[in-house]
């Protein structure tokens, strides 16, 4: 089992660091899945405890100039590593002005992701910094626990308004309640509301984009949406943990092109962050009253 990679472009180094920064704000621990084509960061908490799920995937070719890996076996050519993303972030924060960053899977006292960072220097001498990030190798029999979550059979799909505006609203609401009701319809309307014994507050957004999901063959895909049978004016709702929602909004460091919210009525809120070279899915189950 082997893995090594090298990033030469400073923009790619900084972008990769921003992605890890986002993951570190959402999860204390996560699983890094390494394949020939992609890297995945995965978190799967118990849904029974209102746990969140994260699925983030990065095409390795968009970041790495050199990349090589050998999985557990030729038939199972993948590697699964449990790690602490905050430790990974601390290592990468020293690379803001690096000439290059190398990463490889090593075995020291325990398995590690070892980062070698060549820092810019005003002299002819090389300034090389080495960081070892401890990891745990996940055995093959547990890989099924980290499979990609299914795209929900959602009732409404709607693009979120400007994240800066939405963050300000949610940050104020979380001081009033532990939960927020997120409602939307197929006409581009969205509402955030909190209710307590003392107060009821709601904020409305209108004219939001409602995407049409398409299959790879380019045809409209209605198989993962119940919205076709609904009145476009009918609101569907997910009541979710407001602190987790605020955490998601405040974690974004990658300037996404768009963030879409898919709602399964009274069951789930699914957030889909889209960027040119990274996608991140964040699943929040509803919280019953």
Protein backbone atom coordinates (compact mmCIF):
# COMPACT_ATOMS: atom_id res chain seq x y z
CA UNK A 1 0.00 0.00 0.00
CA UNK A 2 1.62 3.22 -1.20
CA UNK A 3 0.67 6.84 -1.81
CA UNK A 4 2.63 9.92 -2.79
CA UNK A 5 1.87 13.18 -4.54
CA UNK A 6 3.42 16.54 -5.29
CA UNK A 7 1.80 19.96 -5.81
CA UNK A 8 3.88 22.61 -7.59
CA UNK A 9 1.45 25.43 -8.31
CA UNK A 10 1.08 27.89 -5.42
CA UNK A 11 -2.56 28.54 -6.37
CA UNK A 12 -3.32 24.81 -6.14
CA UNK A 13 -1.52 24.61 -2.78
CA UNK A 14 -3.61 27.48 -1.39
CA UNK A 15 -6.85 26.10 -2.85
CA UNK A 16 -6.16 22.63 -1.40
CA UNK A 17 -5.45 24.29 1.97
CA UNK A 18 -8.78 26.15 1.81
CA UNK A 19 -10.62 22.89 1.15
CA UNK A 20 -8.98 21.25 4.17
CA UNK A 21 -9.86 24.36 6.19
CA UNK A 22 -13.53 23.88 5.25
CA UNK A 23 -13.45 20.19 6.19
CA UNK A 24 -11.71 20.91 9.50
CA UNK A 25 -14.51 23.29 10.53
CA UNK A 26 -17.16 20.66 9.82
CA UNK A 27 -15.55 17.53 11.26
CA UNK A 28 -13.16 16.70 14.10
CA UNK A 29 -12.26 13.45 12.39
CA UNK A 30 -12.90 12.21 8.87
CA UNK A 31 -11.91 9.51 6.43
CA UNK A 32 -9.63 10.22 3.48
CA UNK A 33 -10.33 7.82 0.61
CA UNK A 34 -7.57 7.69 -2.02
CA UNK A 35 -8.19 6.30 -5.50
CA UNK A 36 -6.34 6.55 -8.80
CA UNK A 37 -8.49 9.44 -10.02
CA UNK A 38 -9.81 11.23 -6.93
CA UNK A 39 -9.43 12.07 -3.27
CA UNK A 40 -12.49 11.93 -1.02
CA UNK A 41 -13.09 13.37 2.43
CA UNK A 42 -15.92 11.54 4.19
CA UNK A 43 -17.81 11.97 7.45
CA UNK A 44 -20.69 9.72 8.42
CA UNK A 45 -22.29 10.29 11.83
CA UNK A 46 -25.22 8.41 13.27
CA UNK A 47 -28.41 9.78 11.77
CA UNK A 48 -30.28 8.68 14.91
CA UNK A 49 -28.30 11.31 16.80
CA UNK A 50 -29.07 14.02 14.22
CA UNK A 51 -25.64 13.35 12.81
CA UNK A 52 -24.39 15.06 9.69
CA UNK A 53 -22.86 13.40 6.65
CA UNK A 54 -20.16 14.90 4.44
CA UNK A 55 -19.01 13.75 1.03
CA UNK A 56 -16.29 15.87 -0.58
CA UNK A 57 -14.48 14.81 -3.75
CA UNK A 58 -11.46 16.29 -5.52
CA UNK A 59 -10.10 15.20 -8.91
CA UNK A 60 -6.42 14.60 -8.16
CA UNK A 61 -5.37 15.85 -11.61
CA UNK A 62 -6.61 19.36 -10.77
CA UNK A 63 -4.20 19.63 -7.84
CA UNK A 64 -1.27 17.22 -8.14
CA UNK A 65 1.55 17.45 -10.67
CA UNK A 66 2.84 14.07 -9.55
CA UNK A 67 0.56 11.37 -8.18
CA UNK A 68 0.99 7.66 -7.56
CA UNK A 69 -0.84 5.16 -5.39
CA UNK A 70 -1.16 1.42 -4.84
CA UNK A 71 -4.14 0.16 -2.90
CA UNK A 72 -4.64 -2.81 -0.65
CA UNK A 73 -4.72 -5.19 -3.62
CA UNK A 74 -4.87 -4.73 -7.41
CA UNK A 75 -8.56 -5.62 -7.23
CA UNK A 76 -9.22 -3.19 -4.36
CA UNK A 77 -6.99 -0.37 -5.54
CA UNK A 78 -8.03 2.13 -2.88
CA UNK A 79 -6.77 3.39 0.48
CA UNK A 80 -8.94 4.51 3.40
CA UNK A 81 -7.34 6.55 6.19
CA UNK A 82 -8.99 7.96 9.30
CA UNK A 83 -7.46 11.29 10.29
CA UNK A 84 -7.89 14.61 12.07
CA UNK A 85 -8.32 17.33 9.43
CA UNK A 86 -7.22 20.06 11.84
CA UNK A 87 -3.77 18.44 12.10
CA UNK A 88 -3.62 18.31 8.32
CA UNK A 89 -4.56 22.00 8.16
CA UNK A 90 -1.82 22.96 10.62
CA UNK A 91 0.72 21.29 8.37
CA UNK A 92 -0.52 23.02 5.23
CA UNK A 93 -0.72 26.48 6.81
CA UNK A 94 3.07 26.67 6.60
CA UNK A 95 2.85 26.25 2.81
CA UNK A 96 1.32 29.61 1.84
CA UNK A 97 4.50 30.65 0.02
CA UNK A 98 5.93 27.20 -0.69
CA UNK A 99 7.75 26.22 -3.88
CA UNK A 100 6.17 22.79 -3.69
CA UNK A 101 4.45 20.38 -1.31
CA UNK A 102 5.01 16.64 -1.25
CA UNK A 103 2.78 14.21 0.61
CA UNK A 104 3.31 10.48 1.10
CA UNK A 105 2.00 7.66 3.23
CA UNK A 106 4.76 6.58 5.62
CA UNK A 107 5.20 4.15 8.48
CA UNK A 108 7.09 5.63 11.42
CA UNK A 109 6.00 4.71 14.94
CA UNK A 110 2.55 4.49 13.35
CA UNK A 111 1.09 5.21 9.89
CA UNK A 112 1.40 8.89 8.91
CA UNK A 113 0.79 11.25 6.07
CA UNK A 114 4.15 12.97 5.82
CA UNK A 115 4.27 16.43 4.27
CA UNK A 116 7.49 17.88 2.92
CA UNK A 117 7.21 21.61 2.23
CA UNK A 118 9.90 23.53 0.37
CA UNK A 119 9.61 27.10 1.59
CA UNK A 120 10.72 30.08 -0.44
CA UNK A 121 14.11 31.40 0.69
CA UNK A 122 16.10 34.53 -0.08
CA UNK A 123 19.31 32.50 -0.15
CA UNK A 124 20.54 29.51 -2.12
CA UNK A 125 19.87 27.20 0.83
CA UNK A 126 16.75 25.04 0.82
CA UNK A 127 14.27 25.51 3.65
CA UNK A 128 12.51 22.16 3.98
CA UNK A 129 9.79 21.65 6.61
CA UNK A 130 8.48 18.16 7.41
CA UNK A 131 5.18 17.41 9.17
CA UNK A 132 3.88 13.97 10.17
CA UNK A 133 0.10 13.67 10.48
CA UNK A 134 -0.94 10.44 12.27
CA UNK A 135 -3.56 8.35 10.45
CA UNK A 136 -5.34 5.06 11.02
CA UNK A 137 -5.59 2.62 8.12
CA UNK A 138 -9.16 1.37 7.78
CA UNK A 139 -9.38 -2.35 6.91
CA UNK A 140 -11.14 -3.51 3.75
CA UNK A 141 -14.08 -5.04 5.62
CA UNK A 142 -15.11 -1.58 6.92
CA UNK A 143 -15.02 0.25 3.58
CA UNK A 144 -18.76 -0.22 3.03
CA UNK A 145 -19.40 2.08 6.01
CA UNK A 146 -18.02 4.96 3.93
CA UNK A 147 -19.92 4.51 0.68
CA UNK A 148 -21.21 7.59 -1.14
CA UNK A 149 -24.63 8.63 0.21
CA UNK A 150 -27.49 8.32 -2.25
CA UNK A 151 -28.80 11.53 -3.79
CA UNK A 152 -32.05 12.09 -1.87
CA UNK A 153 -35.42 11.79 -3.58
CA UNK A 154 -36.01 15.46 -2.86
CA UNK A 155 -39.22 17.49 -3.04
CA UNK A 156 -37.63 20.87 -3.81
CA UNK A 157 -34.25 21.94 -5.15
CA UNK A 158 -33.27 25.59 -4.73
CA UNK A 159 -30.06 27.63 -4.86
CA UNK A 160 -29.21 29.39 -1.63
CA UNK A 161 -29.02 33.20 -1.62
CA UNK A 162 -25.68 34.95 -1.12
CA UNK A 163 -23.91 33.06 1.66
CA UNK A 164 -22.78 36.26 3.39
CA UNK A 165 -26.38 37.44 3.74
CA UNK A 166 -27.60 34.00 4.79
CA UNK A 167 -24.82 33.66 7.39
CA UNK A 168 -25.79 36.96 9.00
CA UNK A 169 -29.43 35.87 9.27
CA UNK A 170 -28.66 32.43 10.68
CA UNK A 171 -26.05 33.75 13.14
CA UNK A 172 -28.70 36.05 14.63
CA UNK A 173 -31.37 33.35 14.70
CA UNK A 174 -29.16 30.83 16.51
CA UNK A 175 -29.22 33.12 19.56
CA UNK A 176 -32.98 32.63 19.74
CA UNK A 177 -33.40 28.87 19.18
CA UNK A 178 -31.55 25.60 18.71
CA UNK A 179 -33.50 24.79 15.56
CA UNK A 180 -34.46 26.52 12.32
CA UNK A 181 -37.17 25.57 9.84
CA UNK A 182 -35.90 25.82 6.28
CA UNK A 183 -38.77 26.02 3.78
CA UNK A 184 -38.76 26.43 0.00
CA UNK A 185 -40.92 25.90 -3.07
CA UNK A 186 -40.48 25.33 -6.78
CA UNK A 187 -41.11 29.01 -7.58
CA UNK A 188 -37.86 30.23 -6.04
CA UNK A 189 -39.17 31.23 -2.61
CA UNK A 190 -37.31 30.32 0.57
CA UNK A 191 -38.07 31.03 4.22
CA UNK A 192 -36.05 30.63 7.40
CA UNK A 193 -38.02 30.65 10.63
CA UNK A 194 -37.46 30.07 14.34
CA UNK A 195 -40.14 29.73 17.00
CA UNK A 196 -39.95 29.81 20.77
CA UNK A 197 -42.49 30.34 23.54
CA UNK A 198 -41.60 34.03 23.49
CA UNK A 199 -41.00 34.90 19.84
CA UNK A 200 -41.51 33.84 16.24
CA UNK A 201 -39.14 35.22 13.59
CA UNK A 202 -38.90 34.51 9.87
CA UNK A 203 -36.86 35.79 6.94
CA UNK A 204 -38.03 35.46 3.34
CA UNK A 205 -36.06 35.24 0.08
CA UNK A 206 -37.61 35.41 -3.39
CA UNK A 207 -36.50 34.91 -6.97
CA UNK A 208 -33.96 32.20 -6.20
CA UNK A 209 -32.75 29.83 -8.89
CA UNK A 210 -34.40 26.39 -8.96
CA UNK A 211 -32.10 23.97 -10.81
CA UNK A 212 -33.22 21.15 -13.06
CA UNK A 213 -31.11 18.07 -12.50
CA UNK A 214 -29.94 16.24 -15.60
CA UNK A 215 -28.63 12.77 -16.24
CA UNK A 216 -25.29 12.23 -17.90
CA UNK A 217 -27.06 11.73 -21.23
CA UNK A 218 -28.32 15.30 -20.99
CA UNK A 219 -32.00 14.46 -20.40
CA UNK A 220 -33.97 15.85 -17.49
CA UNK A 221 -33.71 13.51 -14.52
CA UNK A 222 -36.97 13.25 -12.59
CA UNK A 223 -35.99 10.03 -10.84
CA UNK A 224 -34.49 11.82 -7.83
CA UNK A 225 -37.17 14.46 -7.46
CA UNK A 226 -40.75 14.50 -6.21
CA UNK A 227 -41.10 18.14 -7.24
CA UNK A 228 -42.75 17.32 -10.57
CA UNK A 229 -45.98 16.31 -8.81
CA UNK A 230 -46.07 19.31 -6.47
CA UNK A 231 -47.70 22.71 -6.84
CA UNK A 232 -44.76 25.12 -7.47
CA UNK A 233 -46.18 27.39 -4.75
CA UNK A 234 -46.33 24.67 -2.11
CA UNK A 235 -43.66 25.06 0.56
CA UNK A 236 -41.74 22.03 1.83
CA UNK A 237 -39.87 22.17 5.13
CA UNK A 238 -36.94 20.67 6.98
CA UNK A 239 -36.45 21.54 10.66
CA UNK A 240 -32.72 21.24 11.32
CA UNK A 241 -30.11 21.93 13.98
CA UNK A 242 -29.33 25.63 13.55
CA UNK A 243 -25.81 25.36 14.97
CA UNK A 244 -24.87 22.72 12.41
CA UNK A 245 -26.40 24.82 9.64
CA UNK A 246 -24.46 27.88 10.84
CA UNK A 247 -21.31 25.78 11.01
CA UNK A 248 -21.75 24.75 7.37
CA UNK A 249 -22.32 28.35 6.24
CA UNK A 250 -19.37 29.71 8.20
CA UNK A 251 -17.00 26.93 7.12
CA UNK A 252 -16.86 27.82 3.43
CA UNK A 253 -13.39 28.80 2.30
CA UNK A 254 -13.52 27.80 -1.39
CA UNK A 255 -15.80 30.51 -2.85
CA UNK A 256 -18.26 28.07 -4.47
CA UNK A 257 -19.93 28.89 -7.76
CA UNK A 258 -23.26 27.89 -6.27
CA UNK A 259 -24.71 26.14 -3.22
CA UNK A 260 -27.91 24.20 -3.82
CA UNK A 261 -30.27 22.99 -1.11
CA UNK A 262 -32.42 19.91 -1.74
CA UNK A 263 -35.22 19.36 0.77
CA UNK A 264 -37.03 16.12 1.52
CA UNK A 265 -40.19 17.25 3.31
CA UNK A 266 -39.86 16.70 7.08
CA UNK A 267 -36.93 14.34 6.55
CA UNK A 268 -33.70 15.88 5.26
CA UNK A 269 -31.83 18.96 4.06
CA UNK A 270 -29.11 18.18 1.52
CA UNK A 271 -26.62 20.93 0.66
CA UNK A 272 -24.57 20.63 -2.51
CA UNK A 273 -21.59 22.97 -2.81
CA UNK A 274 -20.30 23.22 -6.37
CA UNK A 275 -16.96 24.56 -7.58
CA UNK A 276 -14.95 24.05 -10.76
CA UNK A 277 -12.68 21.42 -9.20
CA UNK A 278 -14.37 20.33 -5.98
CA UNK A 279 -17.84 19.25 -4.89
CA UNK A 280 -19.04 18.92 -1.32
CA UNK A 281 -22.28 17.40 -0.13
CA UNK A 282 -23.56 18.03 3.40
CA UNK A 283 -26.55 16.07 4.73
CA UNK A 284 -28.56 17.24 7.76
CA UNK A 285 -31.49 15.11 8.98
CA UNK A 286 -34.51 16.87 10.41
CA UNK A 287 -35.02 17.25 14.13
CA UNK A 288 -38.51 16.39 15.36
CA UNK A 289 -40.32 18.69 17.74
